Protein backbone atom coordinates (compact mmCIF):
# COMPACT_ATOMS: atom_id res chain seq x y z
CA MET A 1 -1.12 -17.41 7.11
CA GLY A 2 -1.23 -17.85 3.42
CA MET A 3 -1.00 -15.12 0.79
CA GLU A 4 -4.85 -15.48 -0.55
CA SER A 5 -6.29 -15.56 2.88
CA MET A 6 -4.17 -12.39 3.79
CA LYS A 7 -5.70 -11.07 1.32
CA THR A 8 -9.05 -11.81 2.33
CA GLU A 9 -8.06 -10.41 5.95
CA LEU A 10 -6.66 -7.55 4.43
CA LEU A 11 -9.96 -6.35 2.19
CA LYS A 12 -11.99 -7.17 5.18
CA ILE A 13 -10.12 -4.91 7.00
CA LEU A 14 -10.57 -2.16 4.65
CA GLU A 15 -14.50 -3.14 4.23
CA GLU A 16 -14.53 -2.10 7.89
CA CYS A 17 -12.39 1.23 7.77
CA PRO A 18 -11.09 1.81 4.48
CA LEU A 19 -7.92 4.20 5.72
CA VAL A 20 -4.89 3.30 5.67
CA ALA A 21 -1.98 4.58 7.36
CA ALA A 22 0.65 5.91 5.10
CA VAL A 23 3.79 6.42 7.37
CA LYS A 24 6.86 8.34 6.62
CA ASP A 25 8.84 9.55 9.86
CA GLU A 26 8.92 8.04 13.84
CA GLU A 27 6.34 10.50 14.82
CA GLY A 28 4.03 9.67 11.92
CA LEU A 29 4.30 6.45 13.15
CA LYS A 30 3.74 6.80 16.52
CA LYS A 31 0.98 9.08 15.74
CA SER A 32 -0.95 5.52 13.19
CA LEU A 33 -0.60 3.83 16.30
CA GLU A 34 -2.60 5.66 18.62
CA SER A 35 -5.91 5.90 15.77
CA GLY A 36 -7.61 3.09 14.85
CA ILE A 37 -6.87 2.63 11.59
CA ARG A 38 -5.65 -1.38 11.16
CA VAL A 39 -3.33 -0.95 8.57
CA VAL A 40 0.11 0.59 8.17
CA PHE A 41 2.33 1.52 4.87
CA ILE A 42 5.78 1.70 6.07
CA LEU A 43 7.34 5.07 3.75
CA PHE A 44 10.72 5.35 5.97
CA GLY A 45 13.38 3.71 7.24
CA ASN A 46 16.52 1.57 6.48
CA ILE A 47 18.11 -1.80 6.73
CA CYS A 48 18.78 -1.88 10.43
CA SER A 49 15.66 -0.30 11.25
CA ILE A 50 12.57 -1.64 9.04
CA PRO A 51 13.05 -5.38 10.91
CA GLU A 52 11.88 -2.84 14.71
CA LEU A 53 9.20 -0.48 12.65
CA VAL A 54 7.52 -4.50 11.59
CA ARG A 55 7.89 -5.24 15.07
CA GLN A 56 5.83 -1.60 16.19
CA VAL A 57 2.94 -1.91 13.24
CA LYS A 58 2.38 -5.49 13.85
CA ASP A 59 3.06 -6.17 18.24
CA SER A 60 -0.10 -3.03 18.42
CA GLY A 61 -2.38 -5.93 15.74
CA ARG A 62 -1.69 -4.10 12.57
CA MET A 63 -1.28 -5.73 9.26
CA ALA A 64 2.38 -3.75 8.03
CA ILE A 65 2.98 -3.05 4.38
CA VAL A 66 6.98 -1.37 3.94
CA HIS A 67 7.40 0.06 0.45
CA VAL A 68 10.52 -1.69 -0.32
CA ASP A 69 11.49 1.43 -2.43
CA LEU A 70 11.99 3.63 0.13
CA ILE A 71 13.80 1.61 2.60
CA THR A 72 17.45 2.81 2.54
CA GLY A 73 19.67 0.43 1.81
CA LEU A 74 18.08 -1.97 -0.22
CA SER A 75 18.45 -2.44 -3.74
CA GLN A 76 16.33 -2.96 -6.09
CA ARG A 77 16.60 -6.14 -7.11
CA GLU A 78 14.01 -9.39 -6.08
CA ILE A 79 16.63 -10.26 -3.07
CA CYS A 80 15.28 -7.29 -1.18
CA VAL A 81 12.02 -9.03 -1.40
CA ASP A 82 13.41 -12.01 0.53
CA PHE A 83 15.18 -9.75 3.65
CA ILE A 84 11.61 -8.20 4.11
CA ARG A 85 9.97 -11.73 4.28
CA ARG A 86 13.31 -13.34 6.36
CA GLN A 87 13.72 -10.27 8.50
CA THR A 88 10.78 -8.72 8.96
CA ARG A 89 7.01 -10.02 9.82
CA ALA A 90 5.28 -7.86 7.15
CA ASP A 91 2.27 -8.83 5.65
CA GLY A 92 3.78 -7.34 2.31
CA ILE A 93 5.01 -4.73 0.05
CA ILE A 94 4.46 -2.04 -2.00
CA SER A 95 6.34 -1.12 -4.92
CA THR A 96 6.85 0.96 -8.19
CA LYS A 97 8.75 -2.41 -9.50
CA ALA A 98 7.21 -5.33 -11.46
CA ALA A 99 9.81 -7.60 -10.83
CA LEU A 100 9.51 -6.87 -7.01
CA ILE A 101 6.15 -7.56 -6.55
CA SER A 102 6.27 -11.19 -8.50
CA ARG A 103 9.03 -12.05 -6.20
CA ALA A 104 6.62 -11.05 -3.04
CA ARG A 105 4.13 -13.11 -4.50
CA GLU A 106 6.03 -16.01 -5.05
CA LEU A 107 7.38 -15.34 -1.34
CA GLY A 108 3.80 -15.32 -0.59
CA LEU A 109 3.26 -11.59 0.59
CA ILE A 110 0.58 -9.28 0.20
CA THR A 111 1.89 -6.90 -3.01
CA ILE A 112 0.98 -3.78 -4.22
CA GLN A 113 1.92 -2.15 -6.88
CA ARG A 114 2.49 2.47 -6.65
CA PHE A 115 1.49 3.64 -10.22
CA PHE A 116 1.92 7.83 -10.82
CA VAL A 117 -0.27 8.50 -13.20
CA ILE A 118 0.03 11.66 -14.59
CA ASP A 119 -1.01 11.35 -18.05
CA SER A 120 -2.62 8.89 -20.38
CA MET A 121 0.94 7.00 -20.90
CA ALA A 122 1.26 6.56 -17.67
CA LEU A 123 -2.35 5.47 -17.33
CA SER A 124 -2.68 3.04 -20.41
CA ASN A 125 0.92 1.57 -18.79
CA VAL A 126 -1.26 0.25 -14.94
CA GLU A 127 -3.06 -2.30 -17.37
CA ARG A 128 0.19 -3.28 -19.22
CA GLN A 129 1.87 -3.31 -16.01
CA LYS A 130 0.03 -4.88 -14.17
CA ASP A 131 -1.09 -7.71 -16.44
CA SER A 132 2.84 -8.47 -16.19
CA CYS A 133 3.32 -9.59 -12.13
CA HIS A 134 -0.56 -9.61 -10.98
CA PRO A 135 -0.47 -7.65 -7.54
CA ASP A 136 -2.81 -7.87 -5.40
CA PHE A 137 -3.48 -4.31 -4.86
CA ILE A 138 -3.07 -1.49 -6.79
CA GLU A 139 -2.14 1.94 -5.34
CA ILE A 140 -2.65 4.52 -7.68
CA LEU A 141 -1.36 8.45 -6.78
CA PRO A 142 -2.36 10.81 -6.97
CA GLY A 143 -5.48 9.45 -5.16
CA THR A 144 -7.73 13.18 -6.08
CA MET A 145 -9.13 11.78 -9.32
CA PRO A 146 -12.32 10.20 -9.24
CA LYS A 147 -13.02 10.19 -12.91
CA ILE A 148 -9.31 8.38 -13.47
CA PHE A 149 -10.50 6.37 -10.71
CA ARG A 150 -14.01 5.17 -12.34
CA ARG A 151 -12.21 4.60 -15.36
CA ILE A 152 -9.24 2.08 -13.66
CA CYS A 153 -11.63 0.41 -11.32
CA ASN A 154 -14.01 -0.01 -14.04
CA GLN A 155 -11.37 -2.12 -16.15
CA LEU A 156 -9.60 -4.03 -13.66
CA GLN A 157 -10.18 -7.18 -11.10
CA THR A 158 -7.82 -5.17 -9.06
CA PRO A 159 -8.76 -3.42 -6.14
CA VAL A 160 -7.66 -0.23 -6.33
CA ILE A 161 -6.44 2.09 -3.37
CA ALA A 162 -6.28 5.87 -3.53
CA GLY A 163 -3.19 7.56 -2.22
CA GLY A 164 -1.80 11.17 -1.97
CA LEU A 165 -2.83 14.08 -1.98
CA ILE A 166 -5.96 13.12 0.25
CA SER A 167 -6.38 16.07 2.34
CA ASP A 168 -10.50 16.04 3.62
CA LYS A 169 -13.60 14.08 3.86
CA GLU A 170 -14.94 14.54 0.67
CA ASP A 171 -11.67 13.47 -1.09
CA ILE A 172 -12.19 10.03 0.65
CA MET A 173 -15.69 9.95 -0.33
CA ALA A 174 -15.16 10.86 -4.15
CA ALA A 175 -12.68 8.33 -4.43
CA LEU A 176 -14.34 5.54 -2.71
CA GLY A 177 -17.38 7.04 -4.67
CA ALA A 178 -15.62 6.38 -7.66
CA GLY A 179 -14.47 2.70 -6.76
CA ALA A 180 -11.47 2.67 -4.96
CA CYS A 181 -11.28 -0.21 -1.63
CA ALA A 182 -9.48 2.12 0.48
CA ILE A 183 -7.15 5.51 0.80
CA SER A 184 -3.56 5.89 1.94
CA THR A 185 -2.62 9.06 3.15
CA THR A 186 0.42 10.31 5.38
CA ASN A 187 -2.02 12.92 6.87
CA PRO A 188 -2.64 12.39 10.27
CA GLN A 189 -5.73 14.64 10.45
CA VAL A 190 -7.15 12.29 8.44
CA TRP A 191 -6.47 8.89 10.46
CA PHE A 192 -8.55 10.51 13.06
CA MET A 193 -12.03 11.65 11.05
């Protein structure tokens, strides 16, 4: 499946269920695979375990997206994306680094660039960075800022995912109402709402 068709498939899945299970340990992975959520962000692991973690997600019929910045043993260079592409069946990557996003696009992976919006300088950096590497999606943390989400979604053509500090239905509805296409959360209670 080509990158554009994978992106289209992901958008369709998120349209049907805008929740993403972001897993940070084995217990979270197990719970996510018991949920009805069809997209899993893998936020843990190491160079030895990541192929098996991705396999578990893929074998359950879900999309697997690996946050390469958080995988122990991977460098912060483009070669880590080549490793994910060659040694796993991951559908895509998440990274804060533009060079890794660019390399993943070259390799046909879905790309999600993560931004921590903590002040006005970080907010202005979102558009500048996005234009340098053209990710398929942008993930903004924390995800509990509807006013900021509305502003970002109105300025960018890139689908935006709200992540971080999402804890209840009110947070979900506020982020989606502000224009986010999906919510990513490590909170298993939210996965089963």
